[in-house]
N, C-alpha and C. Protein backbone atom coordinates (compact mmCIF):
# COMPACT_ATOMS: atom_id res chain seq x y z
N MET A 1 -98.31 52.80 43.93
CA MET A 1 -99.66 52.29 43.84
C MET A 1 -99.65 50.76 43.83
N ALA A 2 -98.75 50.18 43.03
CA ALA A 2 -98.68 48.72 42.96
C ALA A 2 -98.36 48.13 44.33
N ARG A 3 -97.50 48.81 45.08
CA ARG A 3 -97.15 48.31 46.41
C ARG A 3 -98.36 48.34 47.34
N LEU A 4 -99.16 49.42 47.28
CA LEU A 4 -100.36 49.50 48.10
C LEU A 4 -101.35 48.39 47.73
N LEU A 5 -101.51 48.14 46.45
CA LEU A 5 -102.39 47.06 46.03
C LEU A 5 -101.89 45.72 46.56
N TRP A 6 -100.58 45.52 46.52
CA TRP A 6 -100.01 44.30 47.03
C TRP A 6 -100.31 44.15 48.52
N LEU A 7 -100.22 45.27 49.27
CA LEU A 7 -100.50 45.23 50.69
C LEU A 7 -101.96 44.88 50.97
N PHE A 8 -102.87 45.38 50.14
CA PHE A 8 -104.29 45.12 50.34
C PHE A 8 -104.72 43.75 49.84
N ARG A 9 -103.87 43.05 49.12
CA ARG A 9 -104.22 41.77 48.54
C ARG A 9 -104.70 40.77 49.58
N GLY A 10 -104.14 40.82 50.78
CA GLY A 10 -104.50 39.87 51.82
C GLY A 10 -105.77 40.24 52.57
N LEU A 11 -106.27 41.44 52.42
CA LEU A 11 -107.47 41.85 53.14
C LEU A 11 -108.71 41.22 52.53
N THR A 12 -109.66 40.90 53.36
CA THR A 12 -110.96 40.49 52.83
C THR A 12 -111.75 41.75 52.57
N LEU A 13 -112.48 41.76 51.49
CA LEU A 13 -113.21 42.96 51.12
C LEU A 13 -114.29 43.29 52.12
N GLY A 14 -114.81 42.31 52.84
CA GLY A 14 -115.83 42.57 53.84
C GLY A 14 -115.30 43.40 55.00
N ALA A 15 -114.00 43.40 55.22
CA ALA A 15 -113.42 44.13 56.34
C ALA A 15 -113.15 45.59 56.00
N ALA A 16 -113.26 45.95 54.75
CA ALA A 16 -112.96 47.31 54.32
C ALA A 16 -114.21 47.95 53.74
N PRO A 17 -114.27 49.28 53.75
CA PRO A 17 -115.42 49.93 53.13
C PRO A 17 -115.51 49.53 51.66
N ARG A 18 -116.73 49.23 51.19
CA ARG A 18 -116.90 48.80 49.80
C ARG A 18 -117.66 49.86 49.03
N ARG A 19 -117.23 50.07 47.83
CA ARG A 19 -117.88 51.01 46.94
C ARG A 19 -117.63 50.52 45.53
N ALA A 20 -118.67 50.34 44.76
CA ALA A 20 -118.49 49.89 43.39
C ALA A 20 -117.93 51.03 42.57
N VAL A 21 -116.84 50.77 41.90
CA VAL A 21 -116.20 51.78 41.07
C VAL A 21 -115.97 51.17 39.70
N ARG A 22 -116.43 51.82 38.69
CA ARG A 22 -116.09 51.39 37.34
C ARG A 22 -114.95 52.27 36.90
N GLY A 23 -113.92 51.67 36.39
CA GLY A 23 -112.81 52.50 35.96
C GLY A 23 -111.71 51.68 35.35
N ARG A 24 -110.57 52.30 35.23
CA ARG A 24 -109.44 51.67 34.59
C ARG A 24 -108.29 51.60 35.56
N ALA A 25 -107.58 50.52 35.48
CA ALA A 25 -106.34 50.39 36.23
C ALA A 25 -105.27 51.16 35.46
N GLY A 26 -104.11 51.31 36.05
CA GLY A 26 -103.06 52.10 35.42
C GLY A 26 -102.66 51.62 34.04
N GLY A 27 -102.76 50.33 33.76
CA GLY A 27 -102.33 49.80 32.48
C GLY A 27 -103.37 49.91 31.38
N GLY A 28 -104.53 50.47 31.65
CA GLY A 28 -105.55 50.64 30.62
C GLY A 28 -106.60 49.54 30.61
N GLU A 29 -106.38 48.46 31.38
CA GLU A 29 -107.38 47.40 31.43
C GLU A 29 -108.47 47.81 32.41
N LEU A 30 -109.64 47.24 32.24
CA LEU A 30 -110.67 47.45 33.25
C LEU A 30 -110.17 46.80 34.53
N CYS A 31 -110.32 47.51 35.66
CA CYS A 31 -109.81 46.95 36.91
C CYS A 31 -110.64 45.74 37.32
N THR A 32 -109.99 44.81 37.97
CA THR A 32 -110.64 43.53 38.26
C THR A 32 -110.56 43.12 39.72
N GLY A 33 -110.19 44.00 40.59
CA GLY A 33 -110.09 43.61 42.00
C GLY A 33 -110.02 44.83 42.88
N PRO A 34 -109.49 44.67 44.10
CA PRO A 34 -109.44 45.80 45.01
C PRO A 34 -108.50 46.88 44.49
N VAL A 35 -108.95 48.12 44.59
CA VAL A 35 -108.14 49.28 44.21
C VAL A 35 -108.41 50.38 45.21
N LEU A 36 -107.59 51.40 45.20
CA LEU A 36 -107.84 52.54 46.07
C LEU A 36 -108.82 53.46 45.38
N GLY A 37 -109.87 53.82 46.06
CA GLY A 37 -110.88 54.72 45.54
C GLY A 37 -110.60 56.14 45.97
N GLU A 38 -111.63 56.97 46.01
CA GLU A 38 -111.51 58.35 46.43
C GLU A 38 -111.00 58.42 47.86
N ALA A 39 -110.16 59.38 48.13
CA ALA A 39 -109.60 59.63 49.46
C ALA A 39 -108.92 58.39 50.05
N GLY A 40 -108.41 57.52 49.18
CA GLY A 40 -107.65 56.37 49.64
C GLY A 40 -108.46 55.22 50.17
N SER A 41 -109.80 55.27 50.05
CA SER A 41 -110.61 54.17 50.56
C SER A 41 -110.47 52.96 49.65
N LEU A 42 -110.59 51.78 50.22
CA LEU A 42 -110.52 50.55 49.45
C LEU A 42 -111.81 50.40 48.67
N ALA A 43 -111.71 50.12 47.40
CA ALA A 43 -112.90 50.00 46.56
C ALA A 43 -112.74 48.78 45.67
N THR A 44 -113.83 48.40 45.01
CA THR A 44 -113.76 47.33 44.04
C THR A 44 -114.23 47.85 42.71
N CYS A 45 -113.74 47.25 41.66
CA CYS A 45 -114.19 47.61 40.33
C CYS A 45 -115.02 46.47 39.77
N GLU A 46 -116.02 46.83 38.99
CA GLU A 46 -116.83 45.80 38.35
C GLU A 46 -116.05 45.19 37.21
N LEU A 47 -116.18 43.91 37.07
CA LEU A 47 -115.52 43.21 35.99
C LEU A 47 -116.21 43.54 34.67
N PRO A 48 -115.45 43.60 33.57
CA PRO A 48 -116.11 43.82 32.28
C PRO A 48 -116.99 42.61 31.95
N LEU A 49 -118.10 42.88 31.28
CA LEU A 49 -119.01 41.79 30.93
C LEU A 49 -118.46 41.01 29.74
N ALA A 50 -118.69 39.72 29.77
CA ALA A 50 -118.32 38.85 28.65
C ALA A 50 -119.32 39.07 27.51
N LYS A 51 -118.94 38.67 26.32
CA LYS A 51 -119.81 38.81 25.14
C LYS A 51 -121.19 38.22 25.38
N SER A 52 -121.23 37.03 25.97
CA SER A 52 -122.53 36.37 26.21
C SER A 52 -123.39 37.17 27.20
N GLU A 53 -122.75 37.82 28.17
CA GLU A 53 -123.50 38.63 29.14
C GLU A 53 -124.07 39.88 28.47
N TRP A 54 -123.29 40.51 27.58
CA TRP A 54 -123.80 41.66 26.83
C TRP A 54 -124.97 41.24 25.96
N GLN A 55 -124.87 40.06 25.34
CA GLN A 55 -125.95 39.59 24.48
C GLN A 55 -127.24 39.35 25.26
N LYS A 56 -127.13 38.96 26.52
CA LYS A 56 -128.31 38.78 27.36
C LYS A 56 -128.90 40.12 27.79
N LYS A 57 -128.04 41.09 28.03
CA LYS A 57 -128.47 42.39 28.55
C LYS A 57 -129.07 43.29 27.47
N LEU A 58 -128.57 43.18 26.25
CA LEU A 58 -128.95 44.09 25.17
C LEU A 58 -129.81 43.41 24.11
N THR A 59 -130.57 44.22 23.37
CA THR A 59 -131.28 43.68 22.21
C THR A 59 -130.24 43.35 21.13
N PRO A 60 -130.58 42.53 20.14
CA PRO A 60 -129.61 42.23 19.08
C PRO A 60 -129.09 43.49 18.38
N GLU A 61 -129.96 44.47 18.15
CA GLU A 61 -129.52 45.71 17.49
C GLU A 61 -128.61 46.53 18.40
N GLN A 62 -128.93 46.62 19.68
CA GLN A 62 -128.07 47.33 20.63
C GLN A 62 -126.70 46.66 20.71
N PHE A 63 -126.69 45.34 20.75
CA PHE A 63 -125.43 44.60 20.81
C PHE A 63 -124.59 44.86 19.56
N TYR A 64 -125.23 44.79 18.40
CA TYR A 64 -124.53 45.00 17.13
C TYR A 64 -123.88 46.39 17.09
N VAL A 65 -124.62 47.40 17.49
CA VAL A 65 -124.09 48.77 17.42
C VAL A 65 -123.05 49.02 18.50
N THR A 66 -123.37 48.73 19.75
CA THR A 66 -122.49 49.12 20.85
C THR A 66 -121.29 48.21 21.07
N ARG A 67 -121.45 46.92 20.83
CA ARG A 67 -120.36 45.99 21.13
C ARG A 67 -119.60 45.57 19.88
N GLU A 68 -120.25 45.66 18.69
CA GLU A 68 -119.59 45.25 17.44
C GLU A 68 -119.35 46.42 16.50
N LYS A 69 -119.54 47.64 16.99
CA LYS A 69 -119.27 48.88 16.23
C LYS A 69 -120.10 49.00 14.96
N GLY A 70 -121.35 48.59 15.06
CA GLY A 70 -122.26 48.70 13.93
C GLY A 70 -122.90 50.08 13.86
N THR A 71 -123.83 50.22 12.93
CA THR A 71 -124.57 51.48 12.75
C THR A 71 -126.02 51.13 12.45
N GLU A 72 -126.94 51.84 13.10
CA GLU A 72 -128.35 51.65 12.79
C GLU A 72 -128.64 52.34 11.45
N PRO A 73 -129.65 51.89 10.72
CA PRO A 73 -129.99 52.54 9.45
C PRO A 73 -130.37 54.01 9.68
N PRO A 74 -130.01 54.90 8.75
CA PRO A 74 -130.37 56.31 8.91
C PRO A 74 -131.88 56.49 8.96
N PHE A 75 -132.31 57.49 9.69
CA PHE A 75 -133.72 57.88 9.87
C PHE A 75 -134.57 56.79 10.53
N SER A 76 -133.94 55.83 11.22
CA SER A 76 -134.68 54.75 11.87
C SER A 76 -134.70 54.86 13.38
N GLY A 77 -133.85 55.68 13.96
CA GLY A 77 -133.69 55.72 15.41
C GLY A 77 -134.83 56.41 16.15
N ILE A 78 -135.16 55.87 17.32
CA ILE A 78 -136.28 56.41 18.09
C ILE A 78 -136.02 57.81 18.63
N TYR A 79 -134.76 58.23 18.74
CA TYR A 79 -134.46 59.55 19.30
C TYR A 79 -134.15 60.60 18.24
N LEU A 80 -134.22 60.23 16.98
CA LEU A 80 -133.90 61.18 15.91
C LEU A 80 -134.71 62.46 16.04
N ASN A 81 -136.01 62.34 16.23
CA ASN A 81 -136.88 63.52 16.29
C ASN A 81 -137.35 63.85 17.71
N ASN A 82 -136.72 63.27 18.72
CA ASN A 82 -137.09 63.55 20.10
C ASN A 82 -136.72 64.99 20.45
N LYS A 83 -137.70 65.76 20.91
CA LYS A 83 -137.47 67.16 21.28
C LYS A 83 -137.70 67.39 22.78
N GLU A 84 -137.92 66.31 23.53
CA GLU A 84 -138.17 66.41 24.96
C GLU A 84 -136.88 66.79 25.70
N ALA A 85 -137.02 67.58 26.78
CA ALA A 85 -135.87 67.97 27.58
C ALA A 85 -135.43 66.82 28.48
N GLY A 86 -134.13 66.59 28.55
CA GLY A 86 -133.61 65.53 29.40
C GLY A 86 -132.18 65.19 29.06
N MET A 87 -131.78 63.99 29.47
CA MET A 87 -130.41 63.53 29.30
C MET A 87 -130.38 62.20 28.58
N TYR A 88 -129.43 62.05 27.68
CA TYR A 88 -129.22 60.80 26.96
C TYR A 88 -128.08 60.05 27.65
N HIS A 89 -128.36 58.82 28.06
CA HIS A 89 -127.41 57.98 28.78
C HIS A 89 -126.97 56.81 27.90
N CYS A 90 -125.86 56.19 28.27
CA CYS A 90 -125.39 54.99 27.59
C CYS A 90 -126.36 53.85 27.86
N VAL A 91 -126.79 53.14 26.82
CA VAL A 91 -127.72 52.03 26.98
C VAL A 91 -127.07 50.85 27.70
N CYS A 92 -125.75 50.78 27.67
CA CYS A 92 -125.04 49.66 28.29
C CYS A 92 -124.78 49.87 29.78
N CYS A 93 -124.34 51.07 30.17
CA CYS A 93 -123.92 51.28 31.56
C CYS A 93 -124.62 52.44 32.26
N ASP A 94 -125.49 53.14 31.56
CA ASP A 94 -126.29 54.23 32.12
C ASP A 94 -125.50 55.50 32.41
N SER A 95 -124.31 55.63 31.89
CA SER A 95 -123.51 56.84 32.09
C SER A 95 -124.14 58.00 31.32
N PRO A 96 -124.28 59.20 31.92
CA PRO A 96 -124.83 60.34 31.18
C PRO A 96 -123.86 60.80 30.10
N LEU A 97 -124.39 60.99 28.88
CA LEU A 97 -123.52 61.29 27.74
C LEU A 97 -123.82 62.63 27.06
N PHE A 98 -125.09 62.88 26.74
CA PHE A 98 -125.46 64.07 25.98
C PHE A 98 -126.72 64.69 26.54
N SER A 99 -126.74 66.01 26.62
CA SER A 99 -127.91 66.74 27.08
C SER A 99 -128.79 67.11 25.88
N SER A 100 -130.10 67.11 26.10
CA SER A 100 -131.02 67.52 25.04
C SER A 100 -130.79 68.97 24.63
N GLU A 101 -130.20 69.76 25.51
CA GLU A 101 -129.92 71.16 25.21
C GLU A 101 -128.90 71.32 24.07
N LYS A 102 -128.11 70.31 23.83
CA LYS A 102 -127.08 70.36 22.78
C LYS A 102 -127.46 69.52 21.56
N LYS A 103 -128.70 69.03 21.53
CA LYS A 103 -129.18 68.23 20.40
C LYS A 103 -129.73 69.16 19.33
N TYR A 104 -129.48 68.81 18.08
CA TYR A 104 -130.00 69.61 16.97
C TYR A 104 -130.28 68.71 15.78
N CYS A 105 -131.03 69.20 14.82
CA CYS A 105 -131.35 68.44 13.62
C CYS A 105 -130.30 68.72 12.56
N SER A 106 -129.51 67.71 12.24
CA SER A 106 -128.45 67.87 11.24
C SER A 106 -128.91 67.42 9.85
N GLY A 107 -130.05 66.70 9.79
CA GLY A 107 -130.53 66.20 8.51
C GLY A 107 -129.80 64.97 8.01
N THR A 108 -128.94 64.38 8.85
CA THR A 108 -128.12 63.23 8.43
C THR A 108 -128.79 61.89 8.67
N GLY A 109 -129.84 61.86 9.52
CA GLY A 109 -130.53 60.61 9.79
C GLY A 109 -130.22 60.00 11.14
N TRP A 110 -129.35 60.63 11.92
CA TRP A 110 -129.03 60.16 13.26
C TRP A 110 -129.14 61.33 14.23
N PRO A 111 -129.42 61.06 15.50
CA PRO A 111 -129.43 62.14 16.49
C PRO A 111 -128.06 62.83 16.49
N SER A 112 -128.07 64.15 16.49
CA SER A 112 -126.83 64.92 16.46
C SER A 112 -126.75 65.86 17.65
N PHE A 113 -125.55 66.00 18.18
CA PHE A 113 -125.30 66.85 19.34
C PHE A 113 -124.08 67.71 19.04
N SER A 114 -124.08 68.95 19.54
CA SER A 114 -122.96 69.84 19.30
C SER A 114 -121.82 69.65 20.29
N GLU A 115 -122.11 69.01 21.43
CA GLU A 115 -121.06 68.68 22.40
C GLU A 115 -121.57 67.62 23.37
N ALA A 116 -120.63 66.97 24.03
CA ALA A 116 -120.96 65.97 25.04
C ALA A 116 -121.28 66.64 26.37
N HIS A 117 -122.12 66.00 27.18
CA HIS A 117 -122.44 66.51 28.51
C HIS A 117 -121.18 66.59 29.35
N GLY A 118 -120.96 67.72 30.00
CA GLY A 118 -119.77 67.90 30.83
C GLY A 118 -118.65 68.63 30.13
N THR A 119 -118.84 68.98 28.85
CA THR A 119 -117.81 69.71 28.11
C THR A 119 -117.69 71.13 28.66
N SER A 120 -116.47 71.61 28.82
CA SER A 120 -116.21 72.98 29.25
C SER A 120 -115.27 73.61 28.24
N GLY A 121 -115.82 74.43 27.34
CA GLY A 121 -115.01 74.97 26.25
C GLY A 121 -114.60 73.84 25.33
N SER A 122 -113.30 73.60 25.21
CA SER A 122 -112.82 72.47 24.40
C SER A 122 -112.37 71.31 25.29
N ASP A 123 -112.55 71.43 26.60
CA ASP A 123 -112.14 70.40 27.55
C ASP A 123 -113.23 69.35 27.71
N GLU A 124 -112.94 68.11 27.32
CA GLU A 124 -113.89 66.99 27.44
C GLU A 124 -113.49 66.03 28.55
N SER A 125 -112.61 66.43 29.45
CA SER A 125 -112.12 65.52 30.48
C SER A 125 -113.21 65.13 31.48
N HIS A 126 -114.27 65.92 31.60
CA HIS A 126 -115.34 65.60 32.55
C HIS A 126 -116.58 65.07 31.84
N THR A 127 -116.43 64.60 30.63
CA THR A 127 -117.54 64.03 29.89
C THR A 127 -117.55 62.52 30.05
N GLY A 128 -118.59 61.87 29.53
CA GLY A 128 -118.69 60.42 29.58
C GLY A 128 -118.24 59.75 28.30
N ILE A 129 -117.53 60.49 27.44
CA ILE A 129 -117.12 59.94 26.15
C ILE A 129 -115.61 59.96 25.97
N LEU A 130 -115.16 59.13 25.05
CA LEU A 130 -113.78 59.15 24.57
C LEU A 130 -113.81 59.20 23.06
N ARG A 131 -112.79 59.76 22.47
CA ARG A 131 -112.64 59.78 21.02
C ARG A 131 -111.55 58.80 20.64
N ARG A 132 -111.77 58.09 19.53
CA ARG A 132 -110.78 57.13 19.02
C ARG A 132 -110.69 57.24 17.51
N LEU A 133 -109.51 57.01 17.00
CA LEU A 133 -109.31 56.98 15.55
C LEU A 133 -109.97 55.73 14.99
N ASP A 134 -110.73 55.90 13.91
CA ASP A 134 -111.41 54.79 13.25
C ASP A 134 -111.04 54.82 11.77
N THR A 135 -110.34 53.78 11.31
CA THR A 135 -109.95 53.68 9.90
C THR A 135 -110.64 52.50 9.23
N SER A 136 -111.73 52.03 9.81
CA SER A 136 -112.40 50.81 9.33
C SER A 136 -112.96 50.92 7.92
N LEU A 137 -113.28 52.10 7.47
CA LEU A 137 -113.81 52.27 6.10
C LEU A 137 -112.76 52.77 5.12
N GLY A 138 -111.49 52.73 5.53
CA GLY A 138 -110.41 53.12 4.64
C GLY A 138 -110.04 54.59 4.72
N SER A 139 -110.78 55.39 5.48
CA SER A 139 -110.42 56.78 5.70
C SER A 139 -110.48 57.05 7.20
N ALA A 140 -109.84 58.12 7.62
CA ALA A 140 -109.79 58.43 9.05
C ALA A 140 -111.06 59.14 9.50
N ARG A 141 -111.71 58.55 10.50
CA ARG A 141 -112.85 59.19 11.16
C ARG A 141 -112.59 59.15 12.66
N THR A 142 -113.39 59.88 13.42
CA THR A 142 -113.24 59.88 14.86
C THR A 142 -114.44 59.18 15.48
N GLU A 143 -114.18 58.01 16.06
CA GLU A 143 -115.21 57.24 16.74
C GLU A 143 -115.47 57.83 18.12
N VAL A 144 -116.71 57.75 18.59
CA VAL A 144 -117.09 58.17 19.93
C VAL A 144 -117.51 56.93 20.70
N VAL A 145 -116.87 56.70 21.85
CA VAL A 145 -117.21 55.56 22.70
C VAL A 145 -117.52 56.05 24.11
N CYS A 146 -118.26 55.25 24.85
CA CYS A 146 -118.55 55.55 26.25
C CYS A 146 -117.28 55.35 27.07
N LYS A 147 -116.94 56.33 27.85
CA LYS A 147 -115.74 56.26 28.69
C LYS A 147 -115.86 55.16 29.75
N GLN A 148 -117.07 54.89 30.20
CA GLN A 148 -117.30 53.94 31.29
C GLN A 148 -117.20 52.48 30.82
N CYS A 149 -117.84 52.15 29.71
CA CYS A 149 -117.93 50.73 29.30
C CYS A 149 -117.42 50.48 27.87
N GLU A 150 -116.94 51.51 27.22
CA GLU A 150 -116.38 51.43 25.87
C GLU A 150 -117.39 51.03 24.81
N ALA A 151 -118.66 51.31 25.05
CA ALA A 151 -119.68 51.05 24.02
C ALA A 151 -119.46 51.99 22.85
N HIS A 152 -119.56 51.46 21.65
CA HIS A 152 -119.52 52.30 20.45
C HIS A 152 -120.81 53.11 20.40
N LEU A 153 -120.68 54.43 20.26
CA LEU A 153 -121.85 55.30 20.22
C LEU A 153 -122.11 55.86 18.82
N GLY A 154 -121.05 56.18 18.11
CA GLY A 154 -121.16 56.79 16.78
C GLY A 154 -119.84 57.44 16.43
N HIS A 155 -119.94 58.58 15.74
CA HIS A 155 -118.74 59.31 15.30
C HIS A 155 -118.95 60.81 15.50
N VAL A 156 -117.86 61.55 15.51
CA VAL A 156 -117.93 63.01 15.57
C VAL A 156 -117.26 63.57 14.32
N PHE A 157 -117.89 64.59 13.75
CA PHE A 157 -117.42 65.21 12.51
C PHE A 157 -117.25 66.71 12.71
N PRO A 158 -116.35 67.35 11.93
CA PRO A 158 -116.09 68.78 12.10
C PRO A 158 -117.02 69.68 11.29
N ASP A 159 -118.27 69.27 11.08
CA ASP A 159 -119.19 70.07 10.25
C ASP A 159 -120.45 70.49 11.02
N GLY A 160 -120.32 70.62 12.33
CA GLY A 160 -121.47 70.99 13.16
C GLY A 160 -121.56 72.49 13.38
N PRO A 161 -122.54 72.90 14.18
CA PRO A 161 -122.74 74.32 14.46
C PRO A 161 -121.66 74.88 15.40
N GLY A 162 -121.57 76.19 15.48
CA GLY A 162 -120.62 76.86 16.36
C GLY A 162 -120.99 76.67 17.81
N PRO A 163 -120.16 77.00 18.75
CA PRO A 163 -118.85 77.60 18.52
C PRO A 163 -117.76 76.59 18.20
N ASN A 164 -117.95 75.30 18.55
CA ASN A 164 -116.90 74.30 18.33
C ASN A 164 -116.97 73.65 16.95
N GLY A 165 -118.09 73.80 16.25
CA GLY A 165 -118.22 73.24 14.91
C GLY A 165 -118.21 71.73 14.85
N GLN A 166 -118.72 71.07 15.91
CA GLN A 166 -118.72 69.61 15.94
C GLN A 166 -120.12 69.05 15.76
N ARG A 167 -120.17 67.88 15.13
CA ARG A 167 -121.43 67.13 15.01
C ARG A 167 -121.20 65.73 15.54
N PHE A 168 -121.71 65.48 16.73
CA PHE A 168 -121.67 64.14 17.29
C PHE A 168 -122.85 63.39 16.69
N CYS A 169 -122.57 62.47 15.82
CA CYS A 169 -123.57 61.68 15.10
C CYS A 169 -123.70 60.35 15.84
N ILE A 170 -124.78 60.20 16.62
CA ILE A 170 -124.89 59.12 17.59
C ILE A 170 -126.06 58.19 17.26
N ASN A 171 -125.85 56.90 17.38
CA ASN A 171 -126.90 55.91 17.14
C ASN A 171 -127.93 55.95 18.27
N SER A 172 -129.21 56.02 17.91
CA SER A 172 -130.28 55.99 18.93
C SER A 172 -130.21 54.74 19.79
N VAL A 173 -129.92 53.58 19.19
CA VAL A 173 -129.92 52.33 19.96
C VAL A 173 -128.80 52.27 20.99
N ALA A 174 -127.83 53.17 20.89
CA ALA A 174 -126.75 53.22 21.87
C ALA A 174 -127.13 54.09 23.07
N LEU A 175 -128.31 54.71 23.00
CA LEU A 175 -128.73 55.67 24.02
C LEU A 175 -129.97 55.23 24.77
N LYS A 176 -130.12 55.76 25.97
CA LYS A 176 -131.33 55.62 26.77
C LYS A 176 -131.68 57.03 27.24
N PHE A 177 -132.86 57.51 26.87
CA PHE A 177 -133.26 58.87 27.19
C PHE A 177 -133.98 58.92 28.53
N LYS A 178 -133.61 59.88 29.37
CA LYS A 178 -134.29 60.11 30.63
C LYS A 178 -134.81 61.55 30.64
N PRO A 179 -136.14 61.69 30.61
CA PRO A 179 -136.73 63.04 30.60
C PRO A 179 -136.38 63.82 31.87
N ARG A 180 -136.28 65.13 31.70
CA ARG A 180 -136.03 66.00 32.84
C ARG A 180 -137.26 66.00 33.73
N LYS A 181 -137.05 65.88 35.02
CA LYS A 181 -138.16 65.91 35.98
C LYS A 181 -138.57 67.34 36.20
N HIS A 182 -139.86 67.60 36.20
CA HIS A 182 -140.35 68.98 36.34
C HIS A 182 -140.63 69.33 37.76
């Protein structure tokens, strides 16, 4: 792969098919230049936004929660009691994250979901989320972040409804709701 990238280094992007791809390079960094996309086509990756760019794009509360791993106050989120059918997307990058079909009232003060959109059984490889260990409060918790832009979304706990028994406790300000079209 590195050799192919080296070969493409001299090409101008205007001469090759272009397709915006958000993703990761092999080393885990956000990709920053030409890469091979689907079916070997030359593609480009969007550069990660700088802190100042996120601050311009997001409200102060959205920035605090998604980029600085904050938490909105319980029972304050606009989606806590939303019962409309649709999809919850990442407020930062618009990636689909949670379906309203998996939303339930946990009584905890934050929107709760029993699984991420794209989950198949216990397989989350086709979802828009990643799980990370969070020891920031002195105990081990599982943080949930957006796979696309690494926005902090909330945490997942093992006290949810069946069959998986999970409670994705997600900040409303980290989400953008899109109603289902009828």
